[in-house]
């Protein structure tokens, strides 16, 4: 790569690196929390949304999917927008769009209006989230300062799902389901007002928007997730399911072809040629699948089998947020000494142990005896991993590519969660149908004549037979979720290789392109961008 090279210099002191650095981190972390928790905050409100807007049971799942699919599908483009237009400017725009969509969703009177608003929320989140992560790399110095900032960011990202369940329970029980959307409005406006004061604008890098890459990647991932969801409902031989998978493969192949030919792709393919970064992305896919599955199925379990109210169900997940934050803080303190690999491997193993423990749940399980312990083990493991994964994903990336690197990391989390959850739902459906066959036979042998008559009329098994079906399906899903975590542990042990210079960077020594002051950074020759899909930039 041609262009002037600079010697590493200490960035000039600025408000965000002085007394305002704590507020800058608060602003960035608040945005990430708002975006991440919106994935789960509506979960507990779904029954109320169904009644209010007349959703069918099948279409109700799209209240979640409309957000996660647009969010995960457009994250790569969101990262590139920040690189080219300026990260602070794009960050504010994404938050404003998210706030506007939240307001529209809360005011929805028809089901299609809510789905459109949720999709628009996903677009706003896709713009704001990767830009927020990039702002950390340009706001905080390399070493302990940035490690602490990443620790906070990772804890918020990992714990946001549990916090969303708690907040959803509070808002639904005390106010109304619409407040799970309205609550974003004041928070987002405060973020927008504080950003210009405490976060400086980044350097704008010349380039263009890879719209074809964004379109093909989004359509490919949406169709892939839809294929799994359709398969869970209609079976693998369903013609629509097959067409969805075929179309997904075509669009994803076209995406790769487009990125290889683009001079400035939203996904620089050379990033995947780095062994550690490719391993991190693969681990994030697996871990997000496990995490989304755990929250989804435990929410069903505690409300439908244990009989928790929305508020009590939300409170049940609060310990997960606390232990994730503890794990993230522990990892960020010891990373410079031990490096990220031990935390990746141990964290994934702990996640697998927690999920394996949850496979033992049945209709006789209790929260304190069977749920809390596995959740704490799982949460601590996830806290250890997210800090390490975040640091490794952006380590050694040029400043002008920081948005793309962080966008890929966020995209793998959302896509992994969506794909993983759809796979787990398919497993759940198969196991539930098999268990239902046995339970129907037992029901017909044990039920009263009145119960049999009601069953013939409704086709629904009553409790406790229905609880047995639900518990069996959930337990089977946790088996597959545990396998996801085991795969992540194997990747950490076999693929990840931490070099001495990586430890030096974590300890604050040595130079890394992202640590350089953007005002003094090396000039970039855009003509070299067409080579980036084949090799990393040479500095």
Protein backbone atom coordinates (compact mmCIF):
# COMPACT_ATOMS: atom_id res chain seq x y z
CA UNK A 1 0.00 0.00 0.00
CA UNK A 2 1.48 3.31 -1.02
CA UNK A 3 1.32 6.55 0.85
CA UNK A 4 3.19 8.27 3.63
CA UNK A 5 4.03 6.29 6.72
CA UNK A 6 4.02 7.85 10.14
CA UNK A 7 5.81 6.95 13.28
CA UNK A 8 3.52 6.09 16.16
CA UNK A 9 2.75 9.13 18.22
CA UNK A 10 0.66 9.65 21.29
CA UNK A 11 -2.68 11.20 20.35
CA UNK A 12 -3.17 14.78 21.37
CA UNK A 13 -5.11 15.33 24.53
CA UNK A 14 -8.77 15.99 23.82
CA UNK A 15 -11.97 16.22 25.88
CA UNK A 16 -12.89 12.61 25.21
CA UNK A 17 -9.45 11.46 26.37
CA UNK A 18 -9.45 13.76 29.37
CA UNK A 19 -12.13 14.36 31.92
CA UNK A 20 -14.86 13.68 29.35
CA UNK A 21 -13.70 10.20 28.39
CA UNK A 22 -16.02 8.60 30.92
CA UNK A 23 -19.02 10.47 29.51
CA UNK A 24 -17.97 9.58 25.95
CA UNK A 25 -17.92 5.91 26.92
CA UNK A 26 -21.31 6.31 28.63
CA UNK A 27 -22.80 7.79 25.45
CA UNK A 28 -21.39 5.01 23.23
CA UNK A 29 -22.35 2.22 25.64
CA UNK A 30 -25.87 3.66 26.08
CA UNK A 31 -26.44 3.54 22.34
CA UNK A 32 -25.22 -0.05 22.15
CA UNK A 33 -27.41 -1.05 25.08
CA UNK A 34 -30.47 0.56 23.49
CA UNK A 35 -29.86 -1.23 20.18
CA UNK A 36 -29.01 -4.63 21.65
CA UNK A 37 -31.74 -4.86 24.28
CA UNK A 38 -34.37 -4.07 21.65
CA UNK A 39 -33.83 -7.58 20.32
CA UNK A 40 -35.31 -9.07 23.49
CA UNK A 41 -37.30 -6.29 25.17
CA UNK A 42 -40.38 -7.14 23.11
CA UNK A 43 -40.23 -10.88 23.87
CA UNK A 44 -42.23 -10.66 27.08
CA UNK A 45 -44.69 -8.24 25.42
CA UNK A 46 -45.53 -10.59 22.53
CA UNK A 47 -48.81 -11.97 23.98
CA UNK A 48 -50.06 -8.42 24.58
CA UNK A 49 -48.98 -7.33 21.08
CA UNK A 50 -50.81 -10.31 19.58
CA UNK A 51 -54.04 -9.41 21.34
CA UNK A 52 -53.77 -5.69 20.61
CA UNK A 53 -52.91 -5.83 16.90
CA UNK A 54 -54.48 -9.16 15.91
CA UNK A 55 -51.37 -11.10 14.91
CA UNK A 56 -51.71 -14.75 14.09
CA UNK A 57 -49.44 -17.07 16.04
CA UNK A 58 -47.31 -17.75 12.96
CA UNK A 59 -46.85 -14.09 12.04
CA UNK A 60 -46.10 -13.01 15.60
CA UNK A 61 -42.51 -14.27 15.30
CA UNK A 62 -41.84 -11.60 12.69
CA UNK A 63 -42.07 -8.93 15.40
CA UNK A 64 -38.66 -10.27 16.43
CA UNK A 65 -37.38 -11.31 13.01
CA UNK A 66 -38.18 -8.03 11.24
CA UNK A 67 -35.72 -6.32 13.59
CA UNK A 68 -32.94 -8.89 13.79
CA UNK A 69 -32.84 -9.60 10.06
CA UNK A 70 -32.56 -5.97 8.93
CA UNK A 71 -30.19 -5.26 11.80
CA UNK A 72 -27.85 -8.14 10.99
CA UNK A 73 -28.22 -7.80 7.24
CA UNK A 74 -27.25 -4.12 7.04
CA UNK A 75 -24.55 -3.96 9.70
CA UNK A 76 -21.80 -4.28 7.09
CA UNK A 77 -23.08 -1.28 5.16
CA UNK A 78 -23.49 0.64 8.43
CA UNK A 79 -19.82 0.14 9.24
CA UNK A 80 -18.77 1.42 5.81
CA UNK A 81 -21.00 4.49 6.11
CA UNK A 82 -19.08 5.59 9.18
CA UNK A 83 -15.72 5.13 7.46
CA UNK A 84 -16.69 7.27 4.48
CA UNK A 85 -19.04 9.93 5.88
CA UNK A 86 -17.57 10.39 9.36
CA UNK A 87 -18.40 8.19 12.33
CA UNK A 88 -19.91 10.77 14.65
CA UNK A 89 -22.20 12.09 11.93
CA UNK A 90 -23.37 8.60 10.96
CA UNK A 91 -23.69 7.59 14.63
CA UNK A 92 -26.11 10.48 15.29
CA UNK A 93 -28.08 9.71 12.11
CA UNK A 94 -28.48 6.07 13.07
CA UNK A 95 -29.69 6.93 16.58
CA UNK A 96 -32.21 9.45 15.21
CA UNK A 97 -33.59 6.89 12.75
CA UNK A 98 -33.85 4.33 15.56
CA UNK A 99 -35.73 6.83 17.75
CA UNK A 100 -38.13 7.75 14.92
CA UNK A 101 -38.87 4.10 14.17
CA UNK A 102 -39.44 3.36 17.88
CA UNK A 103 -41.99 6.15 18.05
CA UNK A 104 -43.79 4.84 14.96
CA UNK A 105 -43.81 1.32 16.40
CA UNK A 106 -45.32 2.46 19.68
CA UNK A 107 -48.07 4.32 17.79
CA UNK A 108 -48.89 1.36 15.48
CA UNK A 109 -52.56 0.51 15.04
CA UNK A 110 -52.14 -2.31 12.52
CA UNK A 111 -49.85 -5.32 12.47
CA UNK A 112 -48.12 -4.27 9.22
CA UNK A 113 -47.32 -0.89 10.73
CA UNK A 114 -45.51 -2.47 13.65
CA UNK A 115 -43.55 -4.82 11.38
CA UNK A 116 -42.49 -1.92 9.15
CA UNK A 117 -41.40 0.07 12.20
CA UNK A 118 -39.43 -2.87 13.57
CA UNK A 119 -37.63 -3.27 10.24
CA UNK A 120 -36.83 0.47 10.24
CA UNK A 121 -35.52 0.11 13.78
CA UNK A 122 -33.18 -2.56 12.49
CA UNK A 123 -31.87 -0.18 9.82
CA UNK A 124 -31.18 2.49 12.44
CA UNK A 125 -29.48 -0.02 14.71
CA UNK A 126 -27.36 -1.31 11.83
CA UNK A 127 -26.09 2.22 11.21
CA UNK A 128 -25.45 3.14 14.85
CA UNK A 129 -24.04 -0.08 16.35
CA UNK A 130 -20.88 -0.69 14.24
CA UNK A 131 -20.14 3.03 14.30
CA UNK A 132 -20.30 2.97 18.09
CA UNK A 133 -17.66 0.23 18.24
CA UNK A 134 -15.47 2.10 15.75
CA UNK A 135 -15.70 5.24 17.88
CA UNK A 136 -14.08 3.36 20.76
CA UNK A 137 -11.06 2.54 18.60
CA UNK A 138 -10.55 6.22 17.75
CA UNK A 139 -11.54 7.71 21.12
CA UNK A 140 -9.44 5.64 23.54
CA UNK A 141 -5.71 4.93 23.52
CA UNK A 142 -4.31 1.51 22.74
CA UNK A 143 -3.66 -0.53 25.89
CA UNK A 144 -5.38 -0.50 29.30
CA UNK A 145 -7.58 2.51 28.47
CA UNK A 146 -9.04 0.88 25.38
CA UNK A 147 -9.19 -2.52 27.13
CA UNK A 148 -11.42 -1.03 29.83
CA UNK A 149 -13.61 0.67 27.22
CA UNK A 150 -13.98 -2.59 25.28
CA UNK A 151 -14.77 -4.34 28.56
CA UNK A 152 -17.69 -2.01 29.18
CA UNK A 153 -18.85 -2.24 25.56
CA UNK A 154 -18.65 -6.03 25.56
CA UNK A 155 -20.51 -6.31 28.87
CA UNK A 156 -23.29 -4.11 27.51
CA UNK A 157 -23.45 -6.09 24.26
CA UNK A 158 -23.57 -9.44 26.03
CA UNK A 159 -25.86 -8.40 28.89
CA UNK A 160 -28.26 -6.33 26.81
CA UNK A 161 -30.45 -9.33 26.05
CA UNK A 162 -31.05 -10.08 29.73
CA UNK A 163 -31.59 -6.41 30.54
CA UNK A 164 -34.13 -6.25 27.71
CA UNK A 165 -36.12 -9.10 29.25
CA UNK A 166 -36.15 -7.33 32.63
CA UNK A 167 -37.10 -3.97 31.14
CA UNK A 168 -39.81 -5.59 29.04
CA UNK A 169 -41.32 -7.24 32.10
CA UNK A 170 -41.36 -3.97 34.04
CA UNK A 171 -42.88 -1.92 31.22
CA UNK A 172 -45.55 -4.47 30.26
CA UNK A 173 -46.66 -5.09 33.84
CA UNK A 174 -46.63 -1.47 35.03
CA UNK A 175 -47.49 0.47 31.86
CA UNK A 176 -48.35 -0.98 28.43
CA UNK A 177 -46.66 -3.02 25.71
CA UNK A 178 -46.18 0.14 23.62
CA UNK A 179 -43.67 1.44 26.16
CA UNK A 180 -41.16 -1.23 25.21
CA UNK A 181 -40.79 0.95 22.08
CA UNK A 182 -41.54 4.40 23.49
CA UNK A 183 -38.75 4.04 26.07
CA UNK A 184 -36.15 4.38 23.31
CA UNK A 185 -37.27 7.91 22.45
CA UNK A 186 -35.98 9.88 25.48
CA UNK A 187 -32.85 7.72 25.75
CA UNK A 188 -31.99 8.20 22.08
CA UNK A 189 -32.56 11.95 22.19
CA UNK A 190 -30.22 12.30 25.17
CA UNK A 191 -27.55 10.35 23.26
CA UNK A 192 -27.97 12.64 20.24
CA UNK A 193 -27.62 15.77 22.40
CA UNK A 194 -24.51 14.52 24.23
CA UNK A 195 -22.61 13.11 21.24
CA UNK A 196 -21.38 16.38 19.64
CA UNK A 197 -20.09 17.62 23.00
CA UNK A 198 -18.11 14.58 24.12
CA UNK A 199 -17.19 12.66 20.95
CA UNK A 200 -15.04 14.17 18.21
CA UNK A 201 -15.67 13.59 14.52
CA UNK A 202 -13.46 11.05 12.80
CA UNK A 203 -11.52 11.60 9.62
CA UNK A 204 -13.57 10.97 6.49
CA UNK A 205 -11.97 8.45 4.16
CA UNK A 206 -12.58 8.66 0.40
CA UNK A 207 -14.56 5.84 -1.11
CA UNK A 208 -17.93 4.70 -2.38
CA UNK A 209 -20.83 2.68 -1.05
CA UNK A 210 -20.99 -0.95 -2.05
CA UNK A 211 -24.76 -1.01 -2.44
CA UNK A 212 -24.83 -4.21 -4.50
CA UNK A 213 -22.81 -5.97 -1.80
CA UNK A 214 -25.18 -4.69 0.88
CA UNK A 215 -28.25 -5.77 -1.09
CA UNK A 216 -27.02 -9.28 -1.94
CA UNK A 217 -25.72 -9.98 1.58
CA UNK A 218 -28.95 -8.79 3.19
CA UNK A 219 -31.21 -10.76 0.85
CA UNK A 220 -29.04 -13.85 1.19
CA UNK A 221 -29.10 -13.81 4.98
CA UNK A 222 -32.81 -12.98 5.15
CA UNK A 223 -33.65 -15.88 2.84
CA UNK A 224 -31.39 -18.26 4.75
CA UNK A 225 -33.02 -17.41 8.07
CA UNK A 226 -36.47 -17.57 6.49
CA UNK A 227 -35.66 -21.01 5.11
CA UNK A 228 -34.88 -22.35 8.58
CA UNK A 229 -37.98 -20.72 10.08
CA UNK A 230 -40.15 -22.11 7.29
CA UNK A 231 -38.60 -25.56 7.72
CA UNK A 232 -39.50 -25.55 11.42
CA UNK A 233 -43.15 -24.90 10.51
CA UNK A 234 -43.67 -26.77 7.22
CA UNK A 235 -40.82 -29.27 7.03
CA UNK A 236 -37.64 -29.59 4.96
CA UNK A 237 -39.42 -30.94 1.88
CA UNK A 238 -41.75 -27.94 1.60
CA UNK A 239 -41.32 -26.29 -1.81
CA UNK A 240 -41.09 -22.76 -0.36
CA UNK A 241 -38.42 -23.94 2.08
CA UNK A 242 -36.34 -25.41 -0.73
CA UNK A 243 -36.72 -22.30 -2.90
CA UNK A 244 -35.68 -20.08 0.02
CA UNK A 245 -32.48 -22.06 0.60
CA UNK A 246 -31.61 -22.16 -3.11
CA UNK A 247 -32.19 -18.43 -3.46
CA UNK A 248 -30.10 -17.78 -0.32
CA UNK A 249 -27.17 -19.72 -1.79
CA UNK A 250 -27.45 -17.78 -5.07
CA UNK A 251 -27.50 -14.37 -3.38
CA UNK A 252 -24.66 -15.22 -1.00
CA UNK A 253 -22.56 -16.52 -3.89
CA UNK A 254 -23.30 -13.31 -5.78
CA UNK A 255 -22.30 -11.36 -2.67
CA UNK A 256 -18.89 -13.06 -2.53
CA UNK A 257 -18.41 -12.50 -6.26
CA UNK A 258 -19.32 -8.83 -5.86
CA UNK A 259 -16.95 -8.32 -2.94
CA UNK A 260 -14.04 -9.91 -4.82
CA UNK A 261 -14.48 -7.47 -7.70
CA UNK A 262 -15.34 -4.32 -5.75
CA UNK A 263 -12.60 -1.74 -5.28
CA UNK A 264 -14.00 -0.84 -1.85
CA UNK A 265 -16.17 -3.71 -0.61
CA UNK A 266 -18.29 -3.46 2.54
CA UNK A 267 -16.68 -6.76 3.54
CA UNK A 268 -12.96 -6.73 2.67
CA UNK A 269 -12.37 -10.44 2.12
CA UNK A 270 -8.73 -10.16 3.13
CA UNK A 271 -9.95 -9.86 6.74
CA UNK A 272 -10.97 -13.52 6.65
CA UNK A 273 -7.45 -14.53 5.59
CA UNK A 274 -6.18 -13.60 9.02
CA UNK A 275 -6.36 -16.82 11.03
CA UNK A 276 -7.32 -15.19 14.32
CA UNK A 277 -9.95 -12.87 12.87
CA UNK A 278 -11.62 -15.66 10.90
CA UNK A 279 -11.65 -17.76 14.07
CA UNK A 280 -13.21 -14.92 16.05
CA UNK A 281 -16.01 -14.51 13.49
CA UNK A 282 -16.72 -18.26 13.52
CA UNK A 283 -16.77 -18.28 17.33
CA UNK A 284 -19.19 -15.36 17.41
CA UNK A 285 -21.57 -17.19 15.07
CA UNK A 286 -21.64 -20.21 17.38
CA UNK A 287 -21.85 -18.29 20.65
CA UNK A 288 -24.59 -15.95 19.46
CA UNK A 289 -26.63 -18.96 18.36
CA UNK A 290 -26.26 -20.47 21.83
CA UNK A 291 -27.06 -17.20 23.63
CA UNK A 292 -30.16 -16.33 21.60
CA UNK A 293 -31.43 -19.86 22.11
CA UNK A 294 -30.89 -19.79 25.86
CA UNK A 295 -32.83 -16.56 26.37
CA UNK A 296 -35.65 -17.56 24.02
CA UNK A 297 -36.32 -20.99 25.46
CA UNK A 298 -35.80 -20.06 29.11
CA UNK A 299 -38.32 -17.25 28.65
CA UNK A 300 -40.84 -19.85 27.48
CA UNK A 301 -39.92 -22.20 30.30
CA UNK A 302 -40.20 -19.79 33.22
CA UNK A 303 -43.50 -18.31 32.01
CA UNK A 304 -45.30 -21.36 30.63
CA UNK A 305 -44.04 -24.10 32.95
CA UNK A 306 -42.95 -22.28 36.12
CA UNK A 307 -45.84 -19.81 35.79
CA UNK A 308 -43.82 -16.61 36.25
CA UNK A 309 -45.47 -13.25 35.55
CA UNK A 310 -43.80 -10.93 32.98
CA UNK A 311 -42.13 -8.93 35.76
CA UNK A 312 -40.96 -11.99 37.64
CA UNK A 313 -39.68 -13.54 34.40
CA UNK A 314 -37.68 -10.39 33.71
CA UNK A 315 -36.21 -10.39 37.21
CA UNK A 316 -35.24 -14.03 36.80
CA UNK A 317 -32.75 -13.02 34.10
CA UNK A 318 -31.17 -10.14 36.03
CA UNK A 319 -28.39 -12.33 37.54
CA UNK A 320 -27.24 -13.14 33.99
CA UNK A 321 -26.55 -9.47 33.26
CA UNK A 322 -24.65 -9.08 36.52
CA UNK A 323 -22.46 -12.15 36.01
CA UNK A 324 -21.74 -11.23 32.37
CA UNK A 325 -20.53 -7.81 33.52
CA UNK A 326 -18.36 -9.45 36.20
CA UNK A 327 -16.86 -11.84 33.67
CA UNK A 328 -16.18 -9.03 31.20
CA UNK A 329 -14.48 -6.92 33.88
CA UNK A 330 -12.38 -9.86 35.04
CA UNK A 331 -11.24 -10.60 31.49
CA UNK A 332 -10.41 -6.98 30.62
CA UNK A 333 -8.14 -6.70 33.69
CA UNK A 334 -6.17 -9.89 33.01
CA UNK A 335 -6.05 -9.83 29.19
CA UNK A 336 -2.75 -7.90 28.99
CA UNK A 337 -1.05 -10.54 31.14
CA UNK A 338 -2.54 -13.77 29.82
CA UNK A 339 -3.75 -12.82 26.36
CA UNK A 340 -7.21 -13.49 24.91
CA UNK A 341 -6.95 -17.20 24.05
CA UNK A 342 -7.38 -18.62 27.59
CA UNK A 343 -10.50 -16.51 28.11
CA UNK A 344 -11.94 -17.56 24.76
CA UNK A 345 -11.41 -21.26 25.44
CA UNK A 346 -12.44 -21.29 29.11
CA UNK A 347 -15.42 -19.03 28.41
CA UNK A 348 -16.72 -21.28 25.64
CA UNK A 349 -16.28 -24.37 27.81
CA UNK A 350 -18.20 -22.73 30.66
CA UNK A 351 -20.98 -21.78 28.23
CA UNK A 352 -21.17 -25.39 27.05
CA UNK A 353 -21.29 -26.64 30.66
CA UNK A 354 -24.12 -24.26 31.51
CA UNK A 355 -26.14 -25.27 28.45
CA UNK A 356 -25.46 -28.95 29.08
CA UNK A 357 -26.73 -28.50 32.62
CA UNK A 358 -29.93 -26.94 31.27
CA UNK A 359 -30.66 -30.09 29.25
CA UNK A 360 -31.66 -31.69 32.58
CA UNK A 361 -34.65 -29.38 33.02
CA UNK A 362 -38.09 -30.99 33.12
CA UNK A 363 -41.58 -30.22 34.44
CA UNK A 364 -40.41 -30.78 38.02
CA UNK A 365 -37.52 -28.30 37.76
CA UNK A 366 -37.42 -25.14 39.89
CA UNK A 367 -35.77 -21.79 39.25
CA UNK A 368 -33.33 -21.94 42.17
CA UNK A 369 -32.65 -25.65 41.86
CA UNK A 370 -32.37 -26.05 38.09
CA UNK A 371 -32.22 -22.70 36.25
CA UNK A 372 -30.18 -20.16 38.21
CA UNK A 373 -26.97 -22.21 38.50
CA UNK A 374 -26.67 -23.03 34.78
CA UNK A 375 -27.47 -19.42 33.85
CA UNK A 376 -24.66 -18.11 36.08
CA UNK A 377 -22.12 -20.55 34.65
CA UNK A 378 -23.19 -19.69 31.10
CA UNK A 379 -23.20 -15.94 31.78
CA UNK A 380 -19.72 -15.85 33.31
CA UNK A 381 -18.36 -17.78 30.35
CA UNK A 382 -19.97 -15.37 27.89
CA UNK A 383 -18.55 -12.39 29.77
CA UNK A 384 -15.04 -13.81 29.50
CA UNK A 385 -15.40 -14.31 25.76
CA UNK A 386 -16.97 -11.13 24.51
CA UNK A 387 -14.12 -8.87 25.62
CA UNK A 388 -11.55 -11.17 24.02
CA UNK A 389 -13.54 -11.58 20.80
CA UNK A 390 -14.08 -7.84 20.44
CA UNK A 391 -10.41 -7.00 20.91
CA UNK A 392 -9.20 -9.68 18.52
CA UNK A 393 -11.71 -8.69 15.81
CA UNK A 394 -10.35 -5.14 15.45
CA UNK A 395 -6.71 -5.84 16.33
CA UNK A 396 -4.31 -4.72 13.61
CA UNK A 397 -6.97 -3.24 11.34
CA UNK A 398 -6.27 0.02 9.52
CA UNK A 399 -8.28 3.01 10.76
CA UNK A 400 -10.18 3.35 7.47
CA UNK A 401 -11.30 -0.28 7.74
CA UNK A 402 -12.36 -0.17 11.41
CA UNK A 403 -16.03 0.23 10.51
CA UNK A 404 -15.96 -2.80 8.25
CA UNK A 405 -14.16 -4.94 10.85
CA UNK A 406 -16.58 -4.03 13.63
CA UNK A 407 -19.52 -4.35 11.25
CA UNK A 408 -18.55 -7.93 10.41
CA UNK A 409 -18.27 -8.77 14.11
CA UNK A 410 -21.71 -7.34 14.87
CA UNK A 411 -23.18 -8.97 11.77
CA UNK A 412 -21.88 -12.39 12.74
CA UNK A 413 -23.47 -11.96 16.18
CA UNK A 414 -26.90 -11.04 14.79
CA UNK A 415 -26.86 -13.47 11.88
CA UNK A 416 -25.50 -16.23 14.10
CA UNK A 417 -28.25 -15.53 16.60
CA UNK A 418 -30.98 -15.55 13.95
CA UNK A 419 -29.69 -18.63 12.17
CA UNK A 420 -28.95 -20.45 15.41
CA UNK A 421 -32.35 -19.69 16.88
CA UNK A 422 -34.10 -20.89 13.74
CA UNK A 423 -32.09 -24.14 13.88
CA UNK A 424 -32.95 -24.58 17.56
CA UNK A 425 -36.63 -23.89 16.88
CA UNK A 426 -36.53 -26.63 14.23
CA UNK A 427 -35.03 -29.03 16.78
CA UNK A 428 -37.63 -27.91 19.32
CA UNK A 429 -40.47 -28.53 16.87
CA UNK A 430 -39.27 -32.03 15.96
CA UNK A 431 -38.73 -33.08 19.58
CA UNK A 432 -42.06 -31.58 20.65
CA UNK A 433 -43.98 -33.41 17.95
CA UNK A 434 -42.38 -36.72 18.93
CA UNK A 435 -43.15 -36.13 22.61
CA UNK A 436 -46.68 -35.03 21.78
CA UNK A 437 -47.39 -38.42 20.21
CA UNK A 438 -46.51 -40.13 23.49
CA UNK A 439 -48.35 -37.58 25.63
CA UNK A 440 -51.55 -37.80 23.60
CA UNK A 441 -51.62 -41.55 24.21
CA UNK A 442 -51.12 -41.01 27.94
CA UNK A 443 -53.71 -38.25 27.98
CA UNK A 444 -56.35 -40.44 26.36
CA UNK A 445 -55.65 -43.15 28.95
CA UNK A 446 -55.69 -40.83 32.00
CA UNK A 447 -58.01 -37.92 31.15
CA UNK A 448 -61.60 -37.50 32.24
CA UNK A 449 -64.41 -37.65 29.63
CA UNK A 450 -64.78 -33.85 29.83
CA UNK A 451 -61.07 -33.36 29.15
CA UNK A 452 -61.20 -35.72 26.17
CA UNK A 453 -64.17 -33.83 24.74
CA UNK A 454 -62.36 -30.48 25.09
CA UNK A 455 -59.25 -31.95 23.46
CA UNK A 456 -61.26 -33.15 20.45
CA UNK A 457 -62.77 -29.68 20.14
CA UNK A 458 -59.58 -27.60 20.50
CA UNK A 459 -56.82 -30.02 19.54
CA UNK A 460 -54.72 -28.64 22.41
CA UNK A 461 -53.32 -30.79 25.20
CA UNK A 462 -54.01 -29.38 28.67
CA UNK A 463 -51.46 -29.22 31.49
CA UNK A 464 -49.61 -31.24 32.73
CA UNK A 465 -49.36 -33.15 29.44
CA UNK A 466 -48.66 -29.98 27.44
CA UNK A 467 -45.93 -29.03 29.93
CA UNK A 468 -44.23 -32.35 29.26
CA UNK A 469 -44.23 -31.63 25.52
CA UNK A 470 -42.81 -28.12 26.00
CA UNK A 471 -40.12 -29.27 28.46
CA UNK A 472 -39.01 -32.09 26.15
CA UNK A 473 -38.64 -29.73 23.19
CA UNK A 474 -36.70 -27.17 25.24
CA UNK A 475 -34.37 -29.80 26.67
CA UNK A 476 -33.56 -31.09 23.17
CA UNK A 477 -32.85 -27.56 21.96
CA UNK A 478 -30.34 -27.02 24.77
CA UNK A 479 -28.42 -30.11 23.59
CA UNK A 480 -27.82 -28.48 20.20
CA UNK A 481 -27.06 -25.11 21.83
CA UNK A 482 -24.40 -26.83 23.96
CA UNK A 483 -22.90 -28.31 20.77
CA UNK A 484 -22.62 -24.77 19.34
CA UNK A 485 -20.62 -23.75 22.42
CA UNK A 486 -18.38 -26.82 22.17
CA UNK A 487 -17.59 -25.93 18.54
CA UNK A 488 -16.63 -22.42 19.69
CA UNK A 489 -14.29 -23.90 22.33
CA UNK A 490 -12.61 -26.10 19.72
CA UNK A 491 -12.08 -23.09 17.45
CA UNK A 492 -10.48 -21.19 20.34
CA UNK A 493 -8.13 -24.08 21.14
CA UNK A 494 -7.18 -25.04 17.59
CA UNK A 495 -7.45 -21.91 15.43
CA UNK A 496 -6.61 -18.91 17.65
CA UNK A 497 -2.88 -18.16 17.94
CA UNK A 498 -1.84 -15.16 20.05
CA UNK A 499 1.54 -13.77 19.06
CA UNK A 500 3.96 -11.80 21.29
CA UNK A 501 3.20 -8.55 19.44
CA UNK A 502 -0.52 -9.06 20.18
CA UNK A 503 0.24 -9.12 23.91
CA UNK A 504 2.44 -6.05 23.49
CA UNK A 505 -0.46 -4.14 21.95
CA UNK A 506 -2.80 -5.16 24.78
CA UNK A 507 -0.25 -3.89 27.30
CA UNK A 508 -0.13 -0.51 25.59
CA UNK A 509 3.23 -0.91 23.88
CA UNK A 510 4.03 -1.06 20.20
CA UNK A 511 2.14 0.48 17.37
CA UNK A 512 -1.11 -0.47 15.81
CA UNK A 513 -2.77 1.50 13.02
CA UNK A 514 -5.97 2.07 14.97
CA UNK A 515 -4.05 3.66 17.82
CA UNK A 516 -2.62 6.38 15.65
CA UNK A 517 -4.19 9.79 15.81
CA UNK A 518 -6.48 10.16 12.84
CA UNK A 519 -5.27 13.72 12.37
CA UNK A 520 -1.73 12.41 11.87
CA UNK A 521 -2.60 9.07 10.25
CA UNK A 522 -0.98 7.76 7.12
CA UNK A 523 -2.50 9.00 3.90
CA UNK A 524 -4.37 6.37 1.95
CA UNK A 525 -3.97 5.75 -1.75
CA UNK A 526 -7.49 4.77 -2.79
CA UNK A 527 -6.16 3.24 -5.99
CA UNK A 528 -4.75 0.42 -3.88
CA UNK A 529 -8.22 -0.51 -2.59
CA UNK A 530 -8.81 -2.92 -5.45
CA UNK A 531 -6.12 -5.19 -4.00
CA UNK A 532 -7.63 -5.42 -0.54
CA UNK A 533 -9.77 -8.41 -1.29
CA UNK A 534 -6.64 -10.41 -2.03
CA UNK A 535 -4.23 -9.25 0.66
CA UNK A 536 -4.15 -7.06 3.77
CA UNK A 537 -2.89 -3.50 3.38
CA UNK A 538 0.81 -3.05 3.82
CA UNK A 539 1.71 -0.11 6.02
